[in-house]
Amino acid sequence: MTLAAWAIHDIVDENMARAARLHCLEHGIDPANVSLVATGGAGPVHATWLMNKLGAQKVICPPSGGVASALGLLLARARSR
């Protein structure tokens, strides 16, 4: 992977880590004490990087984790604009 691609990957991971830190702060949770569950199409690609950024100790990658996004779409209530 090129240096530019790694930089983009790191920016994306840092944005996700920032959102997770904010969520944890709002709910009084220490990010180091959570287990990350990698779902969605690219969840496992980012999971270990997020784990390191948050100081978390465990990542769970379900065998069909990529299906979670599609399942969420199918289960969500339809709405019109």
PDB file of N, CA and C in Angstrom:
ATOM      1  N   MET A   1       0.848  -1.168   0.000  1.00  0.00           N
ATOM      2  CA  MET A   1       0.000   0.000   0.000  1.00  0.00           C
ATOM      3  C   MET A   1       0.901   1.241   0.000  1.00  0.00           C
ATOM      4  N   THR A   2       0.484   2.250  -0.692  1.00  0.00           N
ATOM      5  CA  THR A   2       1.306   3.460  -0.764  1.00  0.00           C
ATOM      6  C   THR A   2       1.204   4.246   0.535  1.00  0.00           C
ATOM      7  N   LEU A   3       2.124   5.167   0.701  1.00  0.00           N
ATOM      8  CA  LEU A   3       2.137   6.016   1.887  1.00  0.00           C
ATOM      9  C   LEU A   3       0.853   6.841   1.985  1.00  0.00           C
ATOM     10  N   ALA A   4       0.371   7.331   0.855  1.00  0.00           N
ATOM     11  CA  ALA A   4      -0.863   8.123   0.855  1.00  0.00           C
ATOM     12  C   ALA A   4      -2.052   7.279   1.312  1.00  0.00           C
ATOM     13  N   ALA A   5      -2.131   6.042   0.867  1.00  0.00           N
ATOM     14  CA  ALA A   5      -3.232   5.162   1.268  1.00  0.00           C
ATOM     15  C   ALA A   5      -3.183   4.889   2.766  1.00  0.00           C
ATOM     16  N   TRP A   6      -1.989   4.665   3.306  1.00  0.00           N
ATOM     17  CA  TRP A   6      -1.857   4.447   4.750  1.00  0.00           C
ATOM     18  C   TRP A   6      -2.273   5.683   5.521  1.00  0.00           C
ATOM     19  N   ALA A   7      -1.933   6.856   5.005  1.00  0.00           N
ATOM     20  CA  ALA A   7      -2.306   8.104   5.672  1.00  0.00           C
ATOM     21  C   ALA A   7      -3.824   8.260   5.709  1.00  0.00           C
ATOM     22  N   ILE A   8      -4.487   7.956   4.606  1.00  0.00           N
ATOM     23  CA  ILE A   8      -5.948   8.036   4.545  1.00  0.00           C
ATOM     24  C   ILE A   8      -6.561   7.038   5.523  1.00  0.00           C
ATOM     25  N   HIS A   9      -6.023   5.833   5.551  1.00  0.00           N
ATOM     26  CA  HIS A   9      -6.499   4.797   6.474  1.00  0.00           C
ATOM     27  C   HIS A   9      -6.373   5.286   7.914  1.00  0.00           C
ATOM     28  N   ASP A  10      -5.256   5.903   8.250  1.00  0.00           N
ATOM     29  CA  ASP A  10      -5.030   6.397   9.607  1.00  0.00           C
ATOM     30  C   ASP A  10      -6.004   7.526   9.951  1.00  0.00           C
ATOM     31  N   ILE A  11      -6.285   8.404   9.005  1.00  0.00           N
ATOM     32  CA  ILE A  11      -7.237   9.494   9.242  1.00  0.00           C
ATOM     33  C   ILE A  11      -8.633   8.928   9.509  1.00  0.00           C
ATOM     34  N   VAL A  12      -9.033   7.966   8.708  1.00  0.00           N
ATOM     35  CA  VAL A  12     -10.347   7.333   8.898  1.00  0.00           C
ATOM     36  C   VAL A  12     -10.409   6.666  10.274  1.00  0.00           C
ATOM     37  N   ASP A  13      -9.363   5.930  10.634  1.00  0.00           N
ATOM     38  CA  ASP A  13      -9.338   5.262  11.937  1.00  0.00           C
ATOM     39  C   ASP A  13      -9.380   6.267  13.077  1.00  0.00           C
ATOM     40  N   GLU A  14      -8.656   7.367  12.944  1.00  0.00           N
ATOM     41  CA  GLU A  14      -8.647   8.385  14.005  1.00  0.00           C
ATOM     42  C   GLU A  14     -10.021   9.031  14.135  1.00  0.00           C
ATOM     43  N   ASN A  15     -10.710   9.256  13.030  1.00  0.00           N
ATOM     44  CA  ASN A  15     -12.068   9.811  13.098  1.00  0.00           C
ATOM     45  C   ASN A  15     -13.012   8.854  13.819  1.00  0.00           C
ATOM     46  N   MET A  16     -12.890   7.558  13.530  1.00  0.00           N
ATOM     47  CA  MET A  16     -13.733   6.574  14.221  1.00  0.00           C
ATOM     48  C   MET A  16     -13.366   6.501  15.703  1.00  0.00           C
ATOM     49  N   ALA A  17     -12.085   6.559  16.014  1.00  0.00           N
ATOM     50  CA  ALA A  17     -11.647   6.510  17.411  1.00  0.00           C
ATOM     51  C   ALA A  17     -12.148   7.736  18.170  1.00  0.00           C
ATOM     52  N   ARG A  18     -12.116   8.901  17.520  1.00  0.00           N
ATOM     53  CA  ARG A  18     -12.602  10.121  18.160  1.00  0.00           C
ATOM     54  C   ARG A  18     -14.092   9.988  18.485  1.00  0.00           C
ATOM     55  N   ALA A  19     -14.863   9.457  17.558  1.00  0.00           N
ATOM     56  CA  ALA A  19     -16.296   9.263  17.790  1.00  0.00           C
ATOM     57  C   ALA A  19     -16.529   8.263  18.927  1.00  0.00           C
ATOM     58  N   ALA A  20     -15.747   7.204  18.959  1.00  0.00           N
ATOM     59  CA  ALA A  20     -15.888   6.200  20.029  1.00  0.00           C
ATOM     60  C   ALA A  20     -15.514   6.790  21.377  1.00  0.00           C
ATOM     61  N   ARG A  21     -14.446   7.595  21.421  1.00  0.00           N
ATOM     62  CA  ARG A  21     -14.041   8.235  22.676  1.00  0.00           C
ATOM     63  C   ARG A  21     -15.146   9.161  23.188  1.00  0.00           C
ATOM     64  N   LEU A  22     -15.736   9.941  22.293  1.00  0.00           N
ATOM     65  CA  LEU A  22     -16.810  10.850  22.669  1.00  0.00           C
ATOM     66  C   LEU A  22     -18.007  10.077  23.209  1.00  0.00           C
ATOM     67  N   HIS A  23     -18.374   9.003  22.531  1.00  0.00           N
ATOM     68  CA  HIS A  23     -19.490   8.165  22.992  1.00  0.00           C
ATOM     69  C   HIS A  23     -19.183   7.605  24.382  1.00  0.00           C
ATOM     70  N   CYS A  24     -17.983   7.110  24.566  1.00  0.00           N
ATOM     71  CA  CYS A  24     -17.604   6.563  25.869  1.00  0.00           C
ATOM     72  C   CYS A  24     -17.635   7.649  26.948  1.00  0.00           C
ATOM     73  N   LEU A  25     -17.138   8.828  26.628  1.00  0.00           N
ATOM     74  CA  LEU A  25     -17.125   9.936  27.577  1.00  0.00           C
ATOM     75  C   LEU A  25     -18.547  10.320  27.980  1.00  0.00           C
ATOM     76  N   GLU A  26     -19.445  10.393  26.992  1.00  0.00           N
ATOM     77  CA  GLU A  26     -20.839  10.750  27.272  1.00  0.00           C
ATOM     78  C   GLU A  26     -21.545   9.725  28.147  1.00  0.00           C
ATOM     79  N   HIS A  27     -21.091   8.482  28.103  1.00  0.00           N
ATOM     80  CA  HIS A  27     -21.739   7.414  28.872  1.00  0.00           C
ATOM     81  C   HIS A  27     -20.906   6.937  30.065  1.00  0.00           C
ATOM     82  N   GLY A  28     -19.822   7.630  30.367  1.00  0.00           N
ATOM     83  CA  GLY A  28     -18.998   7.269  31.520  1.00  0.00           C
ATOM     84  C   GLY A  28     -18.310   5.931  31.404  1.00  0.00           C
ATOM     85  N   ILE A  29     -17.880   5.592  30.191  1.00  0.00           N
ATOM     86  CA  ILE A  29     -17.231   4.300  29.936  1.00  0.00           C
ATOM     87  C   ILE A  29     -15.761   4.532  29.621  1.00  0.00           C
ATOM     88  N   ASP A  30     -14.905   3.704  30.168  1.00  0.00           N
ATOM     89  CA  ASP A  30     -13.481   3.751  29.842  1.00  0.00           C
ATOM     90  C   ASP A  30     -13.248   2.906  28.590  1.00  0.00           C
ATOM     91  N   PRO A  31     -12.773   3.516  27.481  1.00  0.00           N
ATOM     92  CA  PRO A  31     -12.582   2.744  26.243  1.00  0.00           C
ATOM     93  C   PRO A  31     -11.631   1.562  26.391  1.00  0.00           C
ATOM     94  N   ALA A  32     -10.748   1.624  27.374  1.00  0.00           N
ATOM     95  CA  ALA A  32      -9.809   0.513  27.580  1.00  0.00           C
ATOM     96  C   ALA A  32     -10.507  -0.715  28.139  1.00  0.00           C
ATOM     97  N   ASN A  33     -11.727  -0.549  28.653  1.00  0.00           N
ATOM     98  CA  ASN A  33     -12.444  -1.667  29.265  1.00  0.00           C
ATOM     99  C   ASN A  33     -13.543  -2.233  28.379  1.00  0.00           C
ATOM    100  N   VAL A  34     -13.520  -1.907  27.094  1.00  0.00           N
ATOM    101  CA  VAL A  34     -14.559  -2.416  26.198  1.00  0.00           C
ATOM    102  C   VAL A  34     -13.975  -3.442  25.234  1.00  0.00           C
ATOM    103  N   SER A  35     -14.837  -4.257  24.688  1.00  0.00           N
ATOM    104  CA  SER A  35     -14.471  -5.157  23.594  1.00  0.00           C
ATOM    105  C   SER A  35     -15.100  -4.604  22.328  1.00  0.00           C
ATOM    106  N   LEU A  36     -14.329  -4.478  21.283  1.00  0.00           N
ATOM    107  CA  LEU A  36     -14.850  -3.989  20.016  1.00  0.00           C
ATOM    108  C   LEU A  36     -15.410  -5.154  19.217  1.00  0.00           C
ATOM    109  N   VAL A  37     -16.559  -4.939  18.596  1.00  0.00           N
ATOM    110  CA  VAL A  37     -17.155  -5.947  17.723  1.00  0.00           C
ATOM    111  C   VAL A  37     -17.073  -5.399  16.307  1.00  0.00           C
ATOM    112  N   ALA A  38     -16.332  -6.087  15.462  1.00  0.00           N
ATOM    113  CA  ALA A  38     -16.098  -5.637  14.088  1.00  0.00           C
ATOM    114  C   ALA A  38     -17.196  -6.170  13.179  1.00  0.00           C
ATOM    115  N   THR A  39     -18.100  -5.261  12.776  1.00  0.00           N
ATOM    116  CA  THR A  39     -19.163  -5.632  11.853  1.00  0.00           C
ATOM    117  C   THR A  39     -19.132  -4.693  10.665  1.00  0.00           C
ATOM    118  N   GLY A  40     -19.968  -4.955   9.702  1.00  0.00           N
ATOM    119  CA  GLY A  40     -20.003  -4.115   8.511  1.00  0.00           C
ATOM    120  C   GLY A  40     -18.990  -4.591   7.495  1.00  0.00           C
ATOM    121  N   GLY A  41     -19.046  -3.993   6.341  1.00  0.00           N
ATOM    122  CA  GLY A  41     -18.190  -4.415   5.239  1.00  0.00           C
ATOM    123  C   GLY A  41     -16.702  -4.305   5.514  1.00  0.00           C
ATOM    124  N   ALA A  42     -16.275  -3.203   6.146  1.00  0.00           N
ATOM    125  CA  ALA A  42     -14.846  -2.988   6.385  1.00  0.00           C
ATOM    126  C   ALA A  42     -14.503  -2.986   7.869  1.00  0.00           C
ATOM    127  N   GLY A  43     -15.413  -3.441   8.709  1.00  0.00           N
ATOM    128  CA  GLY A  43     -15.165  -3.443  10.143  1.00  0.00           C
ATOM    129  C   GLY A  43     -13.876  -4.122  10.552  1.00  0.00           C
ATOM    130  N   PRO A  44     -13.622  -5.340  10.087  1.00  0.00           N
ATOM    131  CA  PRO A  44     -12.389  -6.010  10.474  1.00  0.00           C
ATOM    132  C   PRO A  44     -11.114  -5.313   9.963  1.00  0.00           C
ATOM    133  N   VAL A  45     -11.231  -4.551   8.884  1.00  0.00           N
ATOM    134  CA  VAL A  45     -10.064  -3.829   8.357  1.00  0.00           C
ATOM    135  C   VAL A  45      -9.607  -2.777   9.360  1.00  0.00           C
ATOM    136  N   HIS A  46     -10.552  -2.174  10.060  1.00  0.00           N
ATOM    137  CA  HIS A  46     -10.238  -1.074  10.972  1.00  0.00           C
ATOM    138  C   HIS A  46     -10.170  -1.492  12.436  1.00  0.00           C
ATOM    139  N   ALA A  47     -10.686  -2.652  12.772  1.00  0.00           N
ATOM    140  CA  ALA A  47     -10.868  -3.036  14.172  1.00  0.00           C
ATOM    141  C   ALA A  47      -9.576  -3.045  14.992  1.00  0.00           C
ATOM    142  N   THR A  48      -8.531  -3.663  14.511  1.00  0.00           N
ATOM    143  CA  THR A  48      -7.306  -3.727  15.317  1.00  0.00           C
ATOM    144  C   THR A  48      -6.650  -2.366  15.450  1.00  0.00           C
ATOM    145  N   TRP A  49      -6.763  -1.547  14.423  1.00  0.00           N
ATOM    146  CA  TRP A  49      -6.208  -0.186  14.509  1.00  0.00           C
ATOM    147  C   TRP A  49      -6.981   0.620  15.547  1.00  0.00           C
ATOM    148  N   LEU A  50      -8.307   0.486  15.551  1.00  0.00           N
ATOM    149  CA  LEU A  50      -9.129   1.179  16.547  1.00  0.00           C
ATOM    150  C   LEU A  50      -8.824   0.667  17.946  1.00  0.00           C
ATOM    151  N   MET A  51      -8.661  -0.628  18.065  1.00  0.00           N
ATOM    152  CA  MET A  51      -8.335  -1.219  19.357  1.00  0.00           C
ATOM    153  C   MET A  51      -7.083  -0.567  19.927  1.00  0.00           C
ATOM    154  N   ASN A  52      -6.067  -0.423  19.112  1.00  0.00           N
ATOM    155  CA  ASN A  52      -4.819   0.192  19.568  1.00  0.00           C
ATOM    156  C   ASN A  52      -5.003   1.660  19.914  1.00  0.00           C
ATOM    157  N   LYS A  53      -5.752   2.399  19.112  1.00  0.00           N
ATOM    158  CA  LYS A  53      -5.970   3.815  19.365  1.00  0.00           C
ATOM    159  C   LYS A  53      -6.773   4.048  20.646  1.00  0.00           C
ATOM    160  N   LEU A  54      -7.724   3.161  20.937  1.00  0.00           N
ATOM    161  CA  LEU A  54      -8.569   3.307  22.120  1.00  0.00           C
ATOM    162  C   LEU A  54      -7.971   2.663  23.364  1.00  0.00           C
ATOM    163  N   GLY A  55      -6.975   1.813  23.184  1.00  0.00           N
ATOM    164  CA  GLY A  55      -6.404   1.094  24.312  1.00  0.00           C
ATOM    165  C   GLY A  55      -7.256  -0.093  24.726  1.00  0.00           C
ATOM    166  N   ALA A  56      -8.202  -0.484  23.869  1.00  0.00           N
ATOM    167  CA  ALA A  56      -9.063  -1.639  24.165  1.00  0.00           C
ATOM    168  C   ALA A  56      -8.224  -2.913  24.148  1.00  0.00           C
ATOM    169  N   GLN A  57      -8.724  -3.925  24.811  1.00  0.00           N
ATOM    170  CA  GLN A  57      -7.961  -5.169  24.954  1.00  0.00           C
ATOM    171  C   GLN A  57      -8.440  -6.297  24.051  1.00  0.00           C
ATOM    172  N   LYS A  58      -9.646  -6.159  23.469  1.00  0.00           N
ATOM    173  CA  LYS A  58     -10.202  -7.291  22.741  1.00  0.00           C
ATOM    174  C   LYS A  58     -11.026  -6.832  21.541  1.00  0.00           C
ATOM    175  N   VAL A  59     -10.871  -7.542  20.428  1.00  0.00           N
ATOM    176  CA  VAL A  59     -11.682  -7.332  19.234  1.00  0.00           C
ATOM    177  C   VAL A  59     -12.385  -8.643  18.910  1.00  0.00           C
ATOM    178  N   ILE A  60     -13.671  -8.565  18.640  1.00  0.00           N
ATOM    179  CA  ILE A  60     -14.458  -9.732  18.263  1.00  0.00           C
ATOM    180  C   ILE A  60     -14.848  -9.571  16.800  1.00  0.00           C
ATOM    181  N   CYS A  61     -14.453 -10.522  15.975  1.00  0.00           N
ATOM    182  CA  CYS A  61     -14.792 -10.506  14.544  1.00  0.00           C
ATOM    183  C   CYS A  61     -15.708 -11.688  14.249  1.00  0.00           C
ATOM    184  N   PRO A  62     -17.020 -11.451  14.247  1.00  0.00           N
ATOM    185  CA  PRO A  62     -17.947 -12.549  13.959  1.00  0.00           C
ATOM    186  C   PRO A  62     -17.737 -13.085  12.541  1.00  0.00           C
ATOM    187  N   PRO A  63     -17.974 -14.362  12.317  1.00  0.00           N
ATOM    188  CA  PRO A  63     -17.751 -14.947  10.993  1.00  0.00           C
ATOM    189  C   PRO A  63     -18.549 -14.261   9.878  1.00  0.00           C
ATOM    190  N   SER A  64     -19.738 -13.788  10.184  1.00  0.00           N
ATOM    191  CA  SER A  64     -20.562 -13.126   9.172  1.00  0.00           C
ATOM    192  C   SER A  64     -20.743 -11.648   9.501  1.00  0.00           C
ATOM    193  N   GLY A  65     -19.720 -11.032  10.040  1.00  0.00           N
ATOM    194  CA  GLY A  65     -19.801  -9.635  10.445  1.00  0.00           C
ATOM    195  C   GLY A  65     -20.132  -8.683   9.318  1.00  0.00           C
ATOM    196  N   GLY A  66     -19.703  -8.997   8.113  1.00  0.00           N
ATOM    197  CA  GLY A  66     -19.992  -8.136   6.978  1.00  0.00           C
ATOM    198  C   GLY A  66     -21.453  -8.090   6.603  1.00  0.00           C
ATOM    199  N   VAL A  67     -22.217  -9.051   7.090  1.00  0.00           N
ATOM    200  CA  VAL A  67     -23.642  -9.109   6.780  1.00  0.00           C
ATOM    201  C   VAL A  67     -24.431  -8.135   7.658  1.00  0.00           C
ATOM    202  N   ALA A  68     -23.826  -7.651   8.743  1.00  0.00           N
ATOM    203  CA  ALA A  68     -24.547  -6.804   9.696  1.00  0.00           C
ATOM    204  C   ALA A  68     -25.095  -5.537   9.042  1.00  0.00           C
ATOM    205  N   SER A  69     -24.355  -4.926   8.150  1.00  0.00           N
ATOM    206  CA  SER A  69     -24.851  -3.714   7.485  1.00  0.00           C
ATOM    207  C   SER A  69     -26.080  -4.022   6.649  1.00  0.00           C
ATOM    208  N   ALA A  70     -26.031  -5.099   5.901  1.00  0.00           N
ATOM    209  CA  ALA A  70     -27.170  -5.479   5.067  1.00  0.00           C
ATOM    210  C   ALA A  70     -28.365  -5.850   5.934  1.00  0.00           C
ATOM    211  N   LEU A  71     -28.131  -6.542   7.030  1.00  0.00           N
ATOM    212  CA  LEU A  71     -29.216  -6.925   7.930  1.00  0.00           C
ATOM    213  C   LEU A  71     -29.864  -5.689   8.539  1.00  0.00           C
ATOM    214  N   GLY A  72     -29.047  -4.733   8.948  1.00  0.00           N
ATOM    215  CA  GLY A  72     -29.574  -3.488   9.493  1.00  0.00           C
ATOM    216  C   GLY A  72     -30.438  -2.754   8.485  1.00  0.00           C
ATOM    217  N   LEU A  73     -30.007  -2.752   7.246  1.00  0.00           N
ATOM    218  CA  LEU A  73     -30.795  -2.118   6.195  1.00  0.00           C
ATOM    219  C   LEU A  73     -32.134  -2.817   6.016  1.00  0.00           C
ATOM    220  N   LEU A  74     -32.124  -4.135   6.057  1.00  0.00           N
ATOM    221  CA  LEU A  74     -33.361  -4.893   5.873  1.00  0.00           C
ATOM    222  C   LEU A  74     -34.327  -4.734   7.061  1.00  0.00           C
ATOM    223  N   LEU A  75     -33.788  -4.573   8.251  1.00  0.00           N
ATOM    224  CA  LEU A  75     -34.623  -4.480   9.450  1.00  0.00           C
ATOM    225  C   LEU A  75     -35.090  -3.059   9.760  1.00  0.00           C
ATOM    226  N   ALA A  76     -34.429  -2.065   9.160  1.00  0.00           N
ATOM    227  CA  ALA A  76     -34.780  -0.674   9.450  1.00  0.00           C
ATOM    228  C   ALA A  76     -36.164  -0.344   8.900  1.00  0.00           C
ATOM    229  N   ARG A  77     -36.849   0.519   9.598  1.00  0.00           N
ATOM    230  CA  ARG A  77     -38.175   0.941   9.174  1.00  0.00           C
ATOM    231  C   ARG A  77     -38.041   1.849   7.952  1.00  0.00           C
ATOM    232  N   ALA A  78     -38.842   1.595   6.954  1.00  0.00           N
ATOM    233  CA  ALA A  78     -38.815   2.412   5.723  1.00  0.00           C
ATOM    234  C   ALA A  78     -39.409   3.765   6.006  1.00  0.00           C
ATOM    235  N   ARG A  79     -38.853   4.784   5.364  1.00  0.00           N
ATOM    236  CA  ARG A  79     -39.414   6.122   5.501  1.00  0.00           C
ATOM    237  C   ARG A  79     -39.279   6.841   4.179  1.00  0.00           C
ATOM    238  N   SER A  80     -40.150   7.767   3.942  1.00  0.00           N
ATOM    239  CA  SER A  80     -40.067   8.546   2.695  1.00  0.00           C
ATOM    240  C   SER A  80     -39.626   9.954   3.029  1.00  0.00           C
ATOM    241  N   ARG A  81     -39.128  10.635   2.043  1.00  0.00           N
ATOM    242  CA  ARG A  81     -38.643  12.012   2.275  1.00  0.00           C
ATOM    243  C   ARG A  81     -39.721  13.006   2.102  1.00  0.00           C
TER     244      ARG A  81
END
